[in-house]
Protein backbone atom coordinates (compact mmCIF):
# COMPACT_ATOMS: atom_id res chain seq x y z
CA MET A 1 101.59 146.66 137.20
CA ASN A 2 103.55 149.11 135.06
CA LYS A 3 104.08 146.98 131.96
CA VAL A 4 102.17 144.47 129.86
CA ARG A 5 103.49 141.90 127.40
CA ILE A 6 101.77 141.99 124.02
CA LEU A 7 101.78 140.36 120.61
CA HIS A 8 100.49 142.52 117.75
CA CYS A 9 99.55 140.99 114.39
CA ALA A 10 97.26 142.00 111.53
CA ASP A 11 96.06 141.26 107.98
CA LEU A 12 95.84 137.49 108.15
CA HIS A 13 93.36 137.34 105.24
CA PHE A 14 92.29 133.75 105.88
CA ASP A 15 91.24 131.85 102.73
CA THR A 16 92.66 134.50 100.43
CA PRO A 17 92.54 133.16 96.84
CA PHE A 18 96.33 133.42 96.13
CA LYS A 19 95.57 134.46 92.55
CA GLU A 20 99.20 134.33 91.38
CA LEU A 21 99.43 130.60 92.11
CA ASP A 22 97.88 127.56 90.47
CA LYS A 23 95.07 125.80 92.34
CA ASP A 24 97.16 123.07 94.00
CA ILE A 25 99.77 125.49 95.32
CA SER A 26 97.03 127.96 96.27
CA ASP A 27 95.37 125.28 98.42
CA ILE A 28 98.70 124.50 100.07
CA SER A 29 99.28 128.20 100.73
CA LYS A 30 95.89 128.52 102.43
CA GLU A 31 96.83 125.64 104.73
CA GLU A 32 100.20 127.22 105.44
CA LEU A 33 98.49 130.44 106.48
CA LEU A 34 96.59 128.44 109.09
CA GLU A 35 99.89 126.97 110.23
CA VAL A 36 101.32 130.49 110.59
CA PHE A 37 98.38 131.45 112.82
CA LYS A 38 98.98 128.36 114.96
CA ASN A 39 102.60 129.45 115.26
CA ILE A 40 101.42 132.88 116.44
CA ILE A 41 99.33 131.23 119.15
CA ASP A 42 102.31 129.01 120.07
CA LEU A 43 104.47 132.13 120.36
CA CYS A 44 101.91 133.79 122.64
CA ILE A 45 102.13 130.80 124.97
CA LYS A 46 105.91 130.47 124.81
CA GLU A 47 106.57 134.18 125.41
CA LYS A 48 103.96 134.46 128.18
CA VAL A 49 102.03 137.11 126.27
CA GLU A 50 99.25 138.78 128.27
CA VAL A 51 97.43 140.56 125.44
CA LEU A 52 97.02 139.52 121.79
CA LEU A 53 96.13 142.37 119.42
CA ILE A 54 94.73 141.50 115.97
CA ALA A 55 94.45 144.71 113.95
CA GLY A 56 91.91 143.77 111.30
CA ASP A 57 91.45 141.91 108.02
CA VAL A 58 91.30 138.56 109.74
CA PHE A 59 89.08 137.44 106.86
CA ASP A 60 89.41 138.09 103.15
CA ASN A 61 86.28 139.55 101.57
CA LEU A 62 83.26 137.33 100.99
CA THR A 63 84.33 133.72 101.32
CA VAL A 64 85.82 131.56 104.04
CA ASN A 65 85.69 127.81 104.63
CA LYS A 66 83.71 126.54 107.58
CA SER A 67 86.74 124.51 108.60
CA THR A 68 88.76 127.75 108.82
CA LEU A 69 86.25 129.24 111.25
CA PHE A 70 86.49 126.11 113.37
CA PHE A 71 90.29 126.25 113.25
CA ILE A 72 90.37 129.91 114.41
CA SER A 73 88.05 129.09 117.30
CA GLU A 74 90.11 126.06 118.23
CA GLN A 75 93.35 128.07 118.33
CA ILE A 76 91.89 130.98 120.31
CA ASN A 77 90.54 128.49 122.84
CA ARG A 78 94.14 127.46 123.53
CA ILE A 79 94.84 130.88 125.04
CA LYS A 80 91.84 131.52 127.27
CA HIS A 81 94.23 133.00 129.83
CA ILE A 82 95.29 135.74 127.34
CA LYS A 83 93.17 138.78 126.57
CA VAL A 84 92.45 139.06 122.83
CA PHE A 85 91.33 142.29 121.15
CA ILE A 86 90.29 142.50 117.48
CA SER A 87 89.67 145.59 115.34
CA PRO A 88 87.78 144.63 112.14
CA GLY A 89 89.18 146.16 108.94
CA ASN A 90 88.02 147.12 105.47
CA HIS A 91 88.08 143.51 104.20
CA ASP A 92 86.13 142.14 107.18
CA PRO A 93 83.88 144.94 108.52
CA TYR A 94 81.73 144.05 111.48
CA ASN A 95 78.03 143.60 110.75
CA ASN A 96 75.30 141.02 111.25
CA LEU A 97 76.53 139.01 108.26
CA SER A 98 80.24 139.07 109.05
CA PHE A 99 82.24 135.94 109.77
CA TYR A 100 82.90 137.32 113.26
CA GLU A 101 79.28 136.41 114.02
CA MET A 102 79.85 132.78 113.03
CA ILE A 103 82.47 132.00 115.68
CA ASN A 104 81.62 131.22 119.28
CA TRP A 105 84.36 133.35 120.79
CA PRO A 106 85.53 132.59 124.34
CA ASP A 107 85.10 135.22 127.05
CA ASN A 108 88.70 136.45 126.72
CA VAL A 109 88.00 137.88 123.22
CA TYR A 110 86.68 141.39 122.65
CA ILE A 111 85.83 142.68 119.16
CA PHE A 112 85.53 146.43 118.58
CA LYS A 113 82.39 146.81 116.50
CA GLY A 114 82.26 150.47 115.47
CA ASP A 115 83.11 153.84 117.02
CA MET A 116 86.04 154.30 119.37
CA GLU A 117 85.56 152.77 122.81
CA SER A 118 87.70 151.45 125.64
CA LYS A 119 87.94 148.24 127.65
CA GLU A 120 89.73 148.13 130.98
CA VAL A 121 91.77 145.13 132.08
CA GLU A 122 92.06 145.81 135.77
CA ASN A 123 94.52 143.07 136.72
CA LEU A 124 96.99 144.44 134.14
CA ASN A 125 96.44 148.13 134.99
CA LEU A 126 95.57 148.46 131.29
CA VAL A 127 93.03 150.22 129.11
CA VAL A 128 92.66 149.05 125.50
CA TRP A 129 91.07 151.49 123.06
CA GLY A 130 89.73 150.41 119.71
CA ALA A 131 87.30 150.88 116.84
CA GLY A 132 86.25 148.81 113.87
CA PHE A 133 85.09 149.17 110.29
CA LYS A 134 81.35 148.68 109.82
CA ASN A 135 81.60 148.93 106.02
CA ASN A 136 84.34 148.35 103.45
CA TYR A 137 85.11 152.06 103.40
CA GLN A 138 85.60 154.50 106.25
CA ASP A 139 86.00 158.07 105.00
CA ASN A 140 86.39 159.80 108.37
CA THR A 141 88.93 158.98 111.02
CA LEU A 142 87.80 156.70 113.83
CA ILE A 143 90.38 158.16 116.20
CA LYS A 144 88.71 160.63 118.55
CA GLU A 145 90.16 162.75 121.30
CA ASN A 146 89.92 160.75 124.51
CA PHE A 147 90.66 161.69 128.08
CA ILE A 148 92.89 158.85 129.16
CA ASP A 149 93.81 157.85 132.68
CA LYS A 150 97.55 158.47 132.72
CA SER A 151 98.00 156.22 135.76
CA LYS A 152 97.20 153.24 133.53
CA ILE A 153 98.87 151.72 130.48
CA ASN A 154 96.94 152.78 127.38
CA ILE A 155 97.01 150.79 124.13
CA MET A 156 94.98 151.46 121.00
CA ILE A 157 94.28 148.95 118.24
CA ILE A 158 92.84 150.06 114.92
CA HIS A 159 92.85 149.30 111.21
CA GLY A 160 93.52 152.24 108.93
CA GLU A 161 95.81 154.25 106.67
CA ILE A 162 98.16 156.95 107.92
CA ALA A 163 97.25 160.27 106.30
CA GLY A 164 99.63 163.19 106.00
CA GLY A 165 98.53 166.80 106.50
CA ASN A 166 94.90 167.20 105.48
CA SER A 167 94.94 164.37 102.93
CA ILE A 168 92.05 161.94 102.85
CA ASN A 169 91.54 158.28 102.09
CA LYS A 170 88.73 155.76 102.30
CA TYR A 171 90.42 153.48 104.83
CA ASN A 172 90.01 155.31 108.13
CA PRO A 173 92.51 158.17 107.65
CA ILE A 174 94.79 158.33 110.70
CA TYR A 175 96.44 161.71 111.14
CA GLU A 176 99.80 161.95 112.87
CA ASN A 177 98.60 165.00 114.77
CA ASP A 178 95.82 162.87 116.27
CA ILE A 179 98.39 160.24 117.23
CA TYR A 180 100.54 162.93 118.84
CA ASN A 181 97.61 164.25 120.86
CA SER A 182 96.30 160.83 121.90
CA ASN A 183 98.83 160.21 124.71
CA ILE A 184 98.40 156.50 124.00
CA ASP A 185 101.43 154.43 125.00
CA TYR A 186 101.24 152.13 121.96
CA LEU A 187 99.11 152.28 118.81
CA ALA A 188 98.83 148.88 117.08
CA LEU A 189 97.92 149.34 113.41
CA GLY A 190 96.68 147.12 110.62
CA HIS A 191 96.17 147.69 106.88
CA ARG A 192 99.67 148.03 105.46
CA HIS A 193 101.22 144.64 104.77
CA THR A 194 104.83 145.61 105.49
CA PHE A 195 106.37 146.17 108.92
CA SER A 196 106.69 149.92 109.35
CA GLY A 197 109.33 150.09 112.02
CA PHE A 198 108.55 151.80 115.31
CA ILE A 199 107.61 155.46 114.98
CA LYS A 200 107.31 157.96 117.83
CA ARG A 201 104.88 160.89 117.83
CA GLY A 202 104.81 162.71 121.14
CA LYS A 203 104.38 160.14 123.88
CA THR A 204 102.95 157.57 121.48
CA THR A 205 104.81 154.78 119.68
CA TYR A 206 102.97 153.34 116.70
CA ALA A 207 103.64 150.59 114.18
CA TYR A 208 102.18 148.44 111.46
CA SER A 209 103.09 144.81 112.10
CA GLY A 210 102.48 143.98 108.44
CA CYS A 211 100.94 140.67 107.41
CA PRO A 212 102.42 137.50 108.95
CA GLN A 213 102.59 135.72 105.58
CA GLY A 214 102.94 137.23 102.11
CA ARG A 215 100.26 136.46 99.53
CA GLY A 216 101.99 137.51 96.31
CA PHE A 217 104.98 139.26 94.78
CA ASP A 218 103.51 142.61 95.85
CA GLU A 219 104.12 141.44 99.44
CA GLU A 220 107.76 140.44 99.29
CA GLY A 221 110.29 139.83 102.01
CA GLU A 222 110.21 138.82 105.65
CA LYS A 223 106.79 138.88 107.31
CA GLY A 224 105.94 138.58 110.96
CA VAL A 225 104.47 140.02 114.13
CA ILE A 226 105.41 142.52 116.84
CA ILE A 227 106.10 141.29 120.35
CA GLY A 228 107.35 142.80 123.58
CA ASP A 229 106.39 145.06 126.47
CA VAL A 230 104.36 148.24 126.68
CA TYR A 231 105.08 150.44 129.70
CA LEU A 232 103.55 153.48 131.25
CA GLY A 233 105.06 156.03 128.88
CA GLY A 234 107.18 153.70 126.74
CA THR A 235 107.67 150.46 124.84
CA ASN A 236 110.22 147.70 124.39
CA LEU A 237 109.04 145.97 121.23
CA LYS A 238 110.62 144.05 118.38
CA PHE A 239 109.63 142.63 115.00
CA TYR A 240 109.53 138.83 115.04
CA PRO A 241 109.64 137.01 111.65
CA ILE A 242 107.09 134.20 111.57
CA CYS A 243 106.24 133.56 107.89
CA LYS A 244 106.56 130.07 106.50
CA ARG A 245 107.49 131.27 102.99
CA ARG A 246 108.70 134.50 101.44
CA TYR A 247 108.05 135.94 98.00
CA ILE A 248 111.33 137.00 96.40
CA THR A 249 112.02 138.72 93.08
CA LYS A 250 115.56 138.20 91.83
CA GLU A 251 117.28 139.57 88.75
CA ILE A 252 119.83 137.18 87.24
CA ASN A 253 122.27 137.73 84.39
CA ILE A 254 122.27 134.76 81.99
CA THR A 255 124.95 136.04 79.62
CA GLY A 256 126.82 133.13 78.05
CA SER A 257 123.98 130.65 78.18
CA ASN A 258 123.18 128.85 74.92
CA THR A 259 120.46 126.40 75.92
CA TYR A 260 117.48 126.19 78.22
CA ASP A 261 119.44 123.86 80.51
CA ASP A 262 122.25 126.44 80.67
CA ILE A 263 119.74 129.06 81.84
CA ILE A 264 118.28 126.75 84.49
CA ASN A 265 121.75 125.90 85.83
CA ILE A 266 122.76 129.57 86.05
CA ILE A 267 119.55 130.42 87.92
CA ILE A 268 119.87 127.53 90.37
CA ASN A 269 123.51 128.38 91.08
CA LYS A 270 122.54 131.99 91.86
CA LEU A 271 119.92 130.97 94.45
CA ASP A 272 120.49 129.83 98.02
CA LYS A 273 120.06 126.07 97.66
CA ASP A 274 118.88 125.71 101.26
CA LEU A 275 115.99 128.12 100.65
CA ILE A 276 114.80 127.14 97.15
CA ASP A 277 112.08 124.84 98.47
CA GLU A 278 111.01 127.27 101.21
CA ASN A 279 110.20 130.36 99.14
CA PHE A 280 108.46 131.54 95.99
CA TYR A 281 110.74 133.18 93.42
CA LYS A 282 110.09 135.45 90.48
CA ILE A 283 113.16 135.40 88.25
CA ILE A 284 113.90 138.30 85.91
CA THR A 285 116.67 137.42 83.47
CA ASN A 286 118.89 139.79 81.52
CA VAL A 287 121.75 139.48 79.06
CA CYS A 288 124.75 141.76 78.59
CA LEU A 289 125.29 142.44 74.89
CA ASP A 290 128.76 143.26 73.54
CA ILE A 291 127.70 145.97 71.10
CA PHE A 292 131.25 146.55 69.90
CA ASN A 293 131.44 143.09 68.32
CA GLN A 294 128.13 143.33 66.47
């Protein structure tokens, strides 16, 4: 085979606290995040995906409901025919106490638990490379020079932060020169919560899928996953929106309003009525002052 169909997602952050929302809406948002993950699994089945890549931060820090762990296991068990690779991130490093240890994963799931390694999928003519955080911080890059078999499709999955030049960071600094020299066909990244677009360095295409559902007004706009084909020496991938709700900040001029009801009416008339109930809005109001008549 000279191509493989993949779905790449990252930064699910199950049971995140949704601190900007009140408790009732926060609880609803946690449930909606589970629904988004179910939709990702549905999409894998519908699009005949062969490999699911989850690039870290599946869990959010120190707490997760037992029911969430059961739900994840239940959904993954729906796709036992699909290979699943997970690269733990800075929020969910792999260790003996991690939530990864509390799920009875089916045989089609492989979790990268530390230093860079590879797993071959012979029937797909594929090698998947990966590494995982073992602690919340990773000062040195986990990408190492590897001697790949160029007769096979090579994919790498990893959680980390792109670093320019000789700059450093505490989240697995990934240097573009290392990407260029890797000769990997596709590098699936997690950590940034916004889709990066598809970037080419040498032979390698890399991308952040972003998170599939925003968690606050610092994660605005359309959220989704990456889906498509990876070839020997190339890719045919696209961003696929999958979020249930978006966070949107909108600036609205309320000049001419005299009452609270006037302001509400102006705001409602400026929003798309079909989307009001589907999204979260932060409204910034302003007024134009006629200084010449003051």
